[in-house]
Amino acid sequence: VTAPVTTMPRAGCRASSFTDRIRLFEF
């Protein structure tokens, strides 16, 4: 989980306080 999201969700989408902040790191 990264820092809080500062952008607004797209029209018709609901913001999720958790899943919208997930960042992927691939190894």
PDB file of all heavy atoms in Angstrom:
ATOM      1  N   VAL A   1       0.860  -1.183   0.000  1.00  0.00           N
ATOM      2  CA  VAL A   1       0.000   0.000   0.000  1.00  0.00           C
ATOM      3  C   VAL A   1       0.894   1.230   0.000  1.00  0.00           C
ATOM      4  O   VAL A   1       1.826   1.340   0.792  1.00  0.00           O
ATOM      5  CB  VAL A   1      -0.928   0.012   1.239  1.00  0.00           C
ATOM      6  CG1 VAL A   1      -1.735   1.290   1.288  1.00  0.00           C
ATOM      7  CG2 VAL A   1      -1.854  -1.191   1.210  1.00  0.00           C
ATOM      8  N   THR A   2       0.605   2.150  -0.912  1.00  0.00           N
ATOM      9  CA  THR A   2       1.376   3.385  -1.013  1.00  0.00           C
ATOM     10  C   THR A   2       0.646   4.507  -0.288  1.00  0.00           C
ATOM     11  O   THR A   2      -0.364   4.281   0.367  1.00  0.00           O
ATOM     12  CB  THR A   2       1.591   3.763  -2.491  1.00  0.00           C
ATOM     13  OG1 THR A   2       0.302   3.955  -3.096  1.00  0.00           O
ATOM     14  CG2 THR A   2       2.356   2.681  -3.224  1.00  0.00           C
ATOM     15  N   ALA A   3       1.137   5.702  -0.452  1.00  0.00           N
ATOM     16  CA  ALA A   3       0.541   6.888   0.180  1.00  0.00           C
ATOM     17  C   ALA A   3      -0.901   7.065  -0.285  1.00  0.00           C
ATOM     18  O   ALA A   3      -1.305   6.534  -1.323  1.00  0.00           O
ATOM     19  CB  ALA A   3       1.366   8.119  -0.165  1.00  0.00           C
ATOM     20  N   PRO A   4      -1.686   7.827   0.463  1.00  0.00           N
ATOM     21  CA  PRO A   4      -3.094   8.037   0.084  1.00  0.00           C
ATOM     22  C   PRO A   4      -3.229   8.596  -1.335  1.00  0.00           C
ATOM     23  O   PRO A   4      -2.401   9.349  -1.808  1.00  0.00           O
ATOM     24  CB  PRO A   4      -3.587   9.065   1.101  1.00  0.00           C
ATOM     25  CG  PRO A   4      -2.659   8.936   2.254  1.00  0.00           C
ATOM     26  CD  PRO A   4      -1.338   8.511   1.685  1.00  0.00           C
ATOM     27  N   VAL A   5      -4.307   8.177  -1.993  1.00  0.00           N
ATOM     28  CA  VAL A   5      -4.582   8.632  -3.356  1.00  0.00           C
ATOM     29  C   VAL A   5      -5.007  10.087  -3.331  1.00  0.00           C
ATOM     30  O   VAL A   5      -5.824  10.490  -2.517  1.00  0.00           O
ATOM     31  CB  VAL A   5      -5.702   7.764  -3.986  1.00  0.00           C
ATOM     32  CG1 VAL A   5      -6.099   8.297  -5.342  1.00  0.00           C
ATOM     33  CG2 VAL A   5      -5.256   6.328  -4.073  1.00  0.00           C
ATOM     34  N   THR A   6      -4.463  10.876  -4.239  1.00  0.00           N
ATOM     35  CA  THR A   6      -4.807  12.296  -4.296  1.00  0.00           C
ATOM     36  C   THR A   6      -5.654  12.619  -5.514  1.00  0.00           C
ATOM     37  O   THR A   6      -6.109  13.742  -5.657  1.00  0.00           O
ATOM     38  CB  THR A   6      -3.529  13.159  -4.330  1.00  0.00           C
ATOM     39  OG1 THR A   6      -2.752  12.764  -5.462  1.00  0.00           O
ATOM     40  CG2 THR A   6      -2.735  13.005  -3.051  1.00  0.00           C
ATOM     41  N   THR A   7      -5.887  11.661  -6.398  1.00  0.00           N
ATOM     42  CA  THR A   7      -6.705  11.913  -7.577  1.00  0.00           C
ATOM     43  C   THR A   7      -8.119  11.419  -7.339  1.00  0.00           C
ATOM     44  O   THR A   7      -8.354  10.522  -6.531  1.00  0.00           O
ATOM     45  CB  THR A   7      -6.125  11.192  -8.816  1.00  0.00           C
ATOM     46  OG1 THR A   7      -6.080   9.795  -8.546  1.00  0.00           O
ATOM     47  CG2 THR A   7      -4.725  11.697  -9.133  1.00  0.00           C
ATOM     48  N   MET A   8      -9.035  11.968  -8.068  1.00  0.00           N
ATOM     49  CA  MET A   8     -10.435  11.573  -7.965  1.00  0.00           C
ATOM     50  C   MET A   8     -10.678  10.360  -8.858  1.00  0.00           C
ATOM     51  O   MET A   8     -10.059  10.236  -9.915  1.00  0.00           O
ATOM     52  CB  MET A   8     -11.348  12.729  -8.411  1.00  0.00           C
ATOM     53  CG  MET A   8     -11.269  13.946  -7.498  1.00  0.00           C
ATOM     54  SD  MET A   8     -11.808  13.582  -5.822  1.00  0.00           S
ATOM     55  CE  MET A   8     -13.512  13.215  -6.071  1.00  0.00           C
ATOM     56  N   PRO A   9     -11.568   9.449  -8.452  1.00  0.00           N
ATOM     57  CA  PRO A   9     -11.879   8.297  -9.302  1.00  0.00           C
ATOM     58  C   PRO A   9     -12.576   8.737 -10.581  1.00  0.00           C
ATOM     59  O   PRO A   9     -13.215   9.787 -10.617  1.00  0.00           O
ATOM     60  CB  PRO A   9     -12.792   7.448  -8.418  1.00  0.00           C
ATOM     61  CG  PRO A   9     -13.337   8.370  -7.397  1.00  0.00           C
ATOM     62  CD  PRO A   9     -12.313   9.455  -7.211  1.00  0.00           C
ATOM     63  N   ARG A  10     -12.442   7.909 -11.636  1.00  0.00           N
ATOM     64  CA  ARG A  10     -13.101   8.193 -12.907  1.00  0.00           C
ATOM     65  C   ARG A  10     -14.613   8.188 -12.708  1.00  0.00           C
ATOM     66  O   ARG A  10     -15.133   7.571 -11.778  1.00  0.00           O
ATOM     67  CB  ARG A  10     -12.720   7.135 -13.936  1.00  0.00           C
ATOM     68  CG  ARG A  10     -11.273   7.164 -14.301  1.00  0.00           C
ATOM     69  CD  ARG A  10     -10.969   6.210 -15.449  1.00  0.00           C
ATOM     70  NE  ARG A  10     -11.717   4.967 -15.420  1.00  0.00           N
ATOM     71  CZ  ARG A  10     -11.215   3.784 -15.047  1.00  0.00           C
ATOM     72  NH1 ARG A  10      -9.960   3.691 -14.674  1.00  0.00           N
ATOM     73  NH2 ARG A  10     -11.966   2.705 -15.062  1.00  0.00           N
ATOM     74  N   ALA A  11     -15.317   8.843 -13.623  1.00  0.00           N
ATOM     75  CA  ALA A  11     -16.778   8.900 -13.571  1.00  0.00           C
ATOM     76  C   ALA A  11     -17.337   7.478 -13.581  1.00  0.00           C
ATOM     77  O   ALA A  11     -16.899   6.636 -14.360  1.00  0.00           O
ATOM     78  CB  ALA A  11     -17.312   9.690 -14.754  1.00  0.00           C
ATOM     79  N   GLY A  12     -18.271   7.213 -12.701  1.00  0.00           N
ATOM     80  CA  GLY A  12     -18.892   5.898 -12.621  1.00  0.00           C
ATOM     81  C   GLY A  12     -18.139   4.902 -11.769  1.00  0.00           C
ATOM     82  O   GLY A  12     -18.588   3.784 -11.592  1.00  0.00           O
ATOM     83  N   CYS A  13     -16.991   5.290 -11.257  1.00  0.00           N
ATOM     84  CA  CYS A  13     -16.192   4.397 -10.413  1.00  0.00           C
ATOM     85  C   CYS A  13     -16.227   4.896  -8.984  1.00  0.00           C
ATOM     86  O   CYS A  13     -16.258   6.090  -8.728  1.00  0.00           O
ATOM     87  CB  CYS A  13     -14.747   4.343 -10.892  1.00  0.00           C
ATOM     88  SG  CYS A  13     -14.566   3.586 -12.502  1.00  0.00           S
ATOM     89  N   ARG A  14     -16.194   3.944  -8.063  1.00  0.00           N
ATOM     90  CA  ARG A  14     -16.185   4.278  -6.647  1.00  0.00           C
ATOM     91  C   ARG A  14     -14.764   4.109  -6.125  1.00  0.00           C
ATOM     92  O   ARG A  14     -14.102   3.117  -6.413  1.00  0.00           O
ATOM     93  CB  ARG A  14     -17.134   3.334  -5.896  1.00  0.00           C
ATOM     94  CG  ARG A  14     -17.322   3.690  -4.445  1.00  0.00           C
ATOM     95  CD  ARG A  14     -18.426   2.857  -3.842  1.00  0.00           C
ATOM     96  NE  ARG A  14     -18.155   1.438  -3.885  1.00  0.00           N
ATOM     97  CZ  ARG A  14     -17.610   0.755  -2.875  1.00  0.00           C
ATOM     98  NH1 ARG A  14     -17.287   1.352  -1.758  1.00  0.00           N
ATOM     99  NH2 ARG A  14     -17.401  -0.535  -2.989  1.00  0.00           N
ATOM    100  N   ALA A  15     -14.290   5.070  -5.364  1.00  0.00           N
ATOM    101  CA  ALA A  15     -12.939   4.990  -4.814  1.00  0.00           C
ATOM    102  C   ALA A  15     -12.893   3.993  -3.664  1.00  0.00           C
ATOM    103  O   ALA A  15     -13.808   3.920  -2.859  1.00  0.00           O
ATOM    104  CB  ALA A  15     -12.485   6.359  -4.326  1.00  0.00           C
ATOM    105  N   SER A  16     -11.834   3.222  -3.610  1.00  0.00           N
ATOM    106  CA  SER A  16     -11.596   2.298  -2.507  1.00  0.00           C
ATOM    107  C   SER A  16     -10.379   2.811  -1.766  1.00  0.00           C
ATOM    108  O   SER A  16      -9.326   3.002  -2.358  1.00  0.00           O
ATOM    109  CB  SER A  16     -11.340   0.889  -3.025  1.00  0.00           C
ATOM    110  OG  SER A  16     -10.840   0.083  -1.991  1.00  0.00           O
ATOM    111  N   SER A  17     -10.507   3.014  -0.490  1.00  0.00           N
ATOM    112  CA  SER A  17      -9.394   3.587   0.260  1.00  0.00           C
ATOM    113  C   SER A  17      -8.204   2.643   0.348  1.00  0.00           C
ATOM    114  O   SER A  17      -7.105   3.071   0.643  1.00  0.00           O
ATOM    115  CB  SER A  17      -9.851   3.962   1.667  1.00  0.00           C
ATOM    116  OG  SER A  17     -10.271   2.801   2.354  1.00  0.00           O
ATOM    117  N   PHE A  18      -8.409   1.374   0.063  1.00  0.00           N
ATOM    118  CA  PHE A  18      -7.323   0.409   0.172  1.00  0.00           C
ATOM    119  C   PHE A  18      -6.807  -0.034  -1.195  1.00  0.00           C
ATOM    120  O   PHE A  18      -5.640   0.142  -1.517  1.00  0.00           O
ATOM    121  CB  PHE A  18      -7.787  -0.795   0.995  1.00  0.00           C
ATOM    122  CG  PHE A  18      -6.796  -1.908   1.059  1.00  0.00           C
ATOM    123  CD1 PHE A  18      -5.625  -1.758   1.784  1.00  0.00           C
ATOM    124  CD2 PHE A  18      -7.004  -3.084   0.377  1.00  0.00           C
ATOM    125  CE1 PHE A  18      -4.688  -2.779   1.838  1.00  0.00           C
ATOM    126  CE2 PHE A  18      -6.082  -4.108   0.429  1.00  0.00           C
ATOM    127  CZ  PHE A  18      -4.921  -3.942   1.159  1.00  0.00           C
ATOM    128  N   THR A  19      -7.661  -0.605  -1.995  1.00  0.00           N
ATOM    129  CA  THR A  19      -7.198  -1.191  -3.257  1.00  0.00           C
ATOM    130  C   THR A  19      -6.678  -0.153  -4.241  1.00  0.00           C
ATOM    131  O   THR A  19      -5.820  -0.468  -5.065  1.00  0.00           O
ATOM    132  CB  THR A  19      -8.305  -2.032  -3.931  1.00  0.00           C
ATOM    133  OG1 THR A  19      -9.459  -1.225  -4.105  1.00  0.00           O
ATOM    134  CG2 THR A  19      -8.636  -3.247  -3.095  1.00  0.00           C
ATOM    135  N   ASP A  20      -7.151   1.069  -4.182  1.00  0.00           N
ATOM    136  CA  ASP A  20      -6.660   2.110  -5.089  1.00  0.00           C
ATOM    137  C   ASP A  20      -5.244   2.548  -4.748  1.00  0.00           C
ATOM    138  O   ASP A  20      -4.600   3.224  -5.544  1.00  0.00           O
ATOM    139  CB  ASP A  20      -7.579   3.338  -5.064  1.00  0.00           C
ATOM    140  CG  ASP A  20      -8.919   3.059  -5.725  1.00  0.00           C
ATOM    141  OD1 ASP A  20      -9.005   2.054  -6.458  1.00  0.00           O
ATOM    142  OD2 ASP A  20      -9.858   3.834  -5.520  1.00  0.00           O
ATOM    143  N   ARG A  21      -4.770   2.184  -3.587  1.00  0.00           N
ATOM    144  CA  ARG A  21      -3.425   2.594  -3.161  1.00  0.00           C
ATOM    145  C   ARG A  21      -2.399   1.477  -3.278  1.00  0.00           C
ATOM    146  O   ARG A  21      -1.260   1.643  -2.865  1.00  0.00           O
ATOM    147  CB  ARG A  21      -3.469   3.097  -1.720  1.00  0.00           C
ATOM    148  CG  ARG A  21      -4.338   4.327  -1.562  1.00  0.00           C
ATOM    149  CD  ARG A  21      -4.322   4.857  -0.150  1.00  0.00           C
ATOM    150  NE  ARG A  21      -4.925   3.897   0.768  1.00  0.00           N
ATOM    151  CZ  ARG A  21      -4.428   3.610   1.978  1.00  0.00           C
ATOM    152  NH1 ARG A  21      -3.360   4.209   2.427  1.00  0.00           N
ATOM    153  NH2 ARG A  21      -5.029   2.735   2.757  1.00  0.00           N
ATOM    154  N   ILE A  22      -2.767   0.346  -3.869  1.00  0.00           N
ATOM    155  CA  ILE A  22      -1.833  -0.779  -3.987  1.00  0.00           C
ATOM    156  C   ILE A  22      -0.872  -0.527  -5.146  1.00  0.00           C
ATOM    157  O   ILE A  22      -1.267  -0.121  -6.231  1.00  0.00           O
ATOM    158  CB  ILE A  22      -2.591  -2.103  -4.187  1.00  0.00           C
ATOM    159  CG1 ILE A  22      -3.310  -2.462  -2.893  1.00  0.00           C
ATOM    160  CG2 ILE A  22      -1.638  -3.215  -4.601  1.00  0.00           C
ATOM    161  CD1 ILE A  22      -4.128  -3.711  -2.978  1.00  0.00           C
ATOM    162  N   ARG A  23       0.385  -0.783  -4.876  1.00  0.00           N
ATOM    163  CA  ARG A  23       1.430  -0.672  -5.901  1.00  0.00           C
ATOM    164  C   ARG A  23       2.105  -2.029  -6.039  1.00  0.00           C
ATOM    165  O   ARG A  23       2.348  -2.718  -5.049  1.00  0.00           O
ATOM    166  CB  ARG A  23       2.445   0.389  -5.478  1.00  0.00           C
ATOM    167  CG  ARG A  23       3.498   0.602  -6.528  1.00  0.00           C
ATOM    168  CD  ARG A  23       4.244   1.879  -6.325  1.00  0.00           C
ATOM    169  NE  ARG A  23       5.325   1.909  -7.296  1.00  0.00           N
ATOM    170  CZ  ARG A  23       6.501   2.432  -7.078  1.00  0.00           C
ATOM    171  NH1 ARG A  23       6.762   3.005  -5.923  1.00  0.00           N
ATOM    172  NH2 ARG A  23       7.422   2.410  -8.002  1.00  0.00           N
ATOM    173  N   LEU A  24       2.403  -2.416  -7.286  1.00  0.00           N
ATOM    174  CA  LEU A  24       3.009  -3.713  -7.570  1.00  0.00           C
ATOM    175  C   LEU A  24       4.509  -3.569  -7.777  1.00  0.00           C
ATOM    176  O   LEU A  24       4.964  -2.657  -8.469  1.00  0.00           O
ATOM    177  CB  LEU A  24       2.393  -4.332  -8.828  1.00  0.00           C
ATOM    178  CG  LEU A  24       0.873  -4.440  -8.875  1.00  0.00           C
ATOM    179  CD1 LEU A  24       0.436  -5.056 -10.193  1.00  0.00           C
ATOM    180  CD2 LEU A  24       0.347  -5.235  -7.715  1.00  0.00           C
ATOM    181  N   PHE A  25       5.257  -4.498  -7.192  1.00  0.00           N
ATOM    182  CA  PHE A  25       6.705  -4.569  -7.357  1.00  0.00           C
ATOM    183  C   PHE A  25       7.024  -5.961  -7.886  1.00  0.00           C
ATOM    184  O   PHE A  25       6.745  -6.955  -7.211  1.00  0.00           O
ATOM    185  CB  PHE A  25       7.421  -4.330  -6.025  1.00  0.00           C
ATOM    186  CG  PHE A  25       7.129  -2.980  -5.435  1.00  0.00           C
ATOM    187  CD1 PHE A  25       6.024  -2.792  -4.597  1.00  0.00           C
ATOM    188  CD2 PHE A  25       7.930  -1.900  -5.723  1.00  0.00           C
ATOM    189  CE1 PHE A  25       5.752  -1.561  -4.054  1.00  0.00           C
ATOM    190  CE2 PHE A  25       7.666  -0.650  -5.175  1.00  0.00           C
ATOM    191  CZ  PHE A  25       6.568  -0.481  -4.344  1.00  0.00           C
ATOM    192  N   GLU A  26       7.598  -6.037  -9.085  1.00  0.00           N
ATOM    193  CA  GLU A  26       7.864  -7.321  -9.722  1.00  0.00           C
ATOM    194  C   GLU A  26       9.349  -7.655  -9.646  1.00  0.00           C
ATOM    195  O   GLU A  26      10.201  -6.793  -9.849  1.00  0.00           O
ATOM    196  CB  GLU A  26       7.419  -7.298 -11.181  1.00  0.00           C
ATOM    197  CG  GLU A  26       7.508  -8.648 -11.843  1.00  0.00           C
ATOM    198  CD  GLU A  26       6.865  -8.679 -13.216  1.00  0.00           C
ATOM    199  OE1 GLU A  26       6.138  -7.733 -13.569  1.00  0.00           O
ATOM    200  OE2 GLU A  26       7.094  -9.660 -13.923  1.00  0.00           O
ATOM    201  N   PHE A  27       9.634  -8.941  -9.372  1.00  0.00           N
ATOM    202  CA  PHE A  27      11.009  -9.409  -9.223  1.00  0.00           C
ATOM    203  C   PHE A  27      11.235 -10.638 -10.086  1.00  0.00           C
ATOM    204  O   PHE A  27      10.374 -11.513 -10.155  1.00  0.00           O
ATOM    205  CB  PHE A  27      11.312  -9.744  -7.756  1.00  0.00           C
ATOM    206  CG  PHE A  27      11.148  -8.563  -6.849  1.00  0.00           C
ATOM    207  CD1 PHE A  27       9.932  -8.320  -6.229  1.00  0.00           C
ATOM    208  CD2 PHE A  27      12.195  -7.684  -6.647  1.00  0.00           C
ATOM    209  CE1 PHE A  27       9.767  -7.220  -5.411  1.00  0.00           C
ATOM    210  CE2 PHE A  27      12.041  -6.575  -5.834  1.00  0.00           C
ATOM    211  CZ  PHE A  27      10.821  -6.338  -5.216  1.00  0.00           C
TER     212      PHE A  27
END
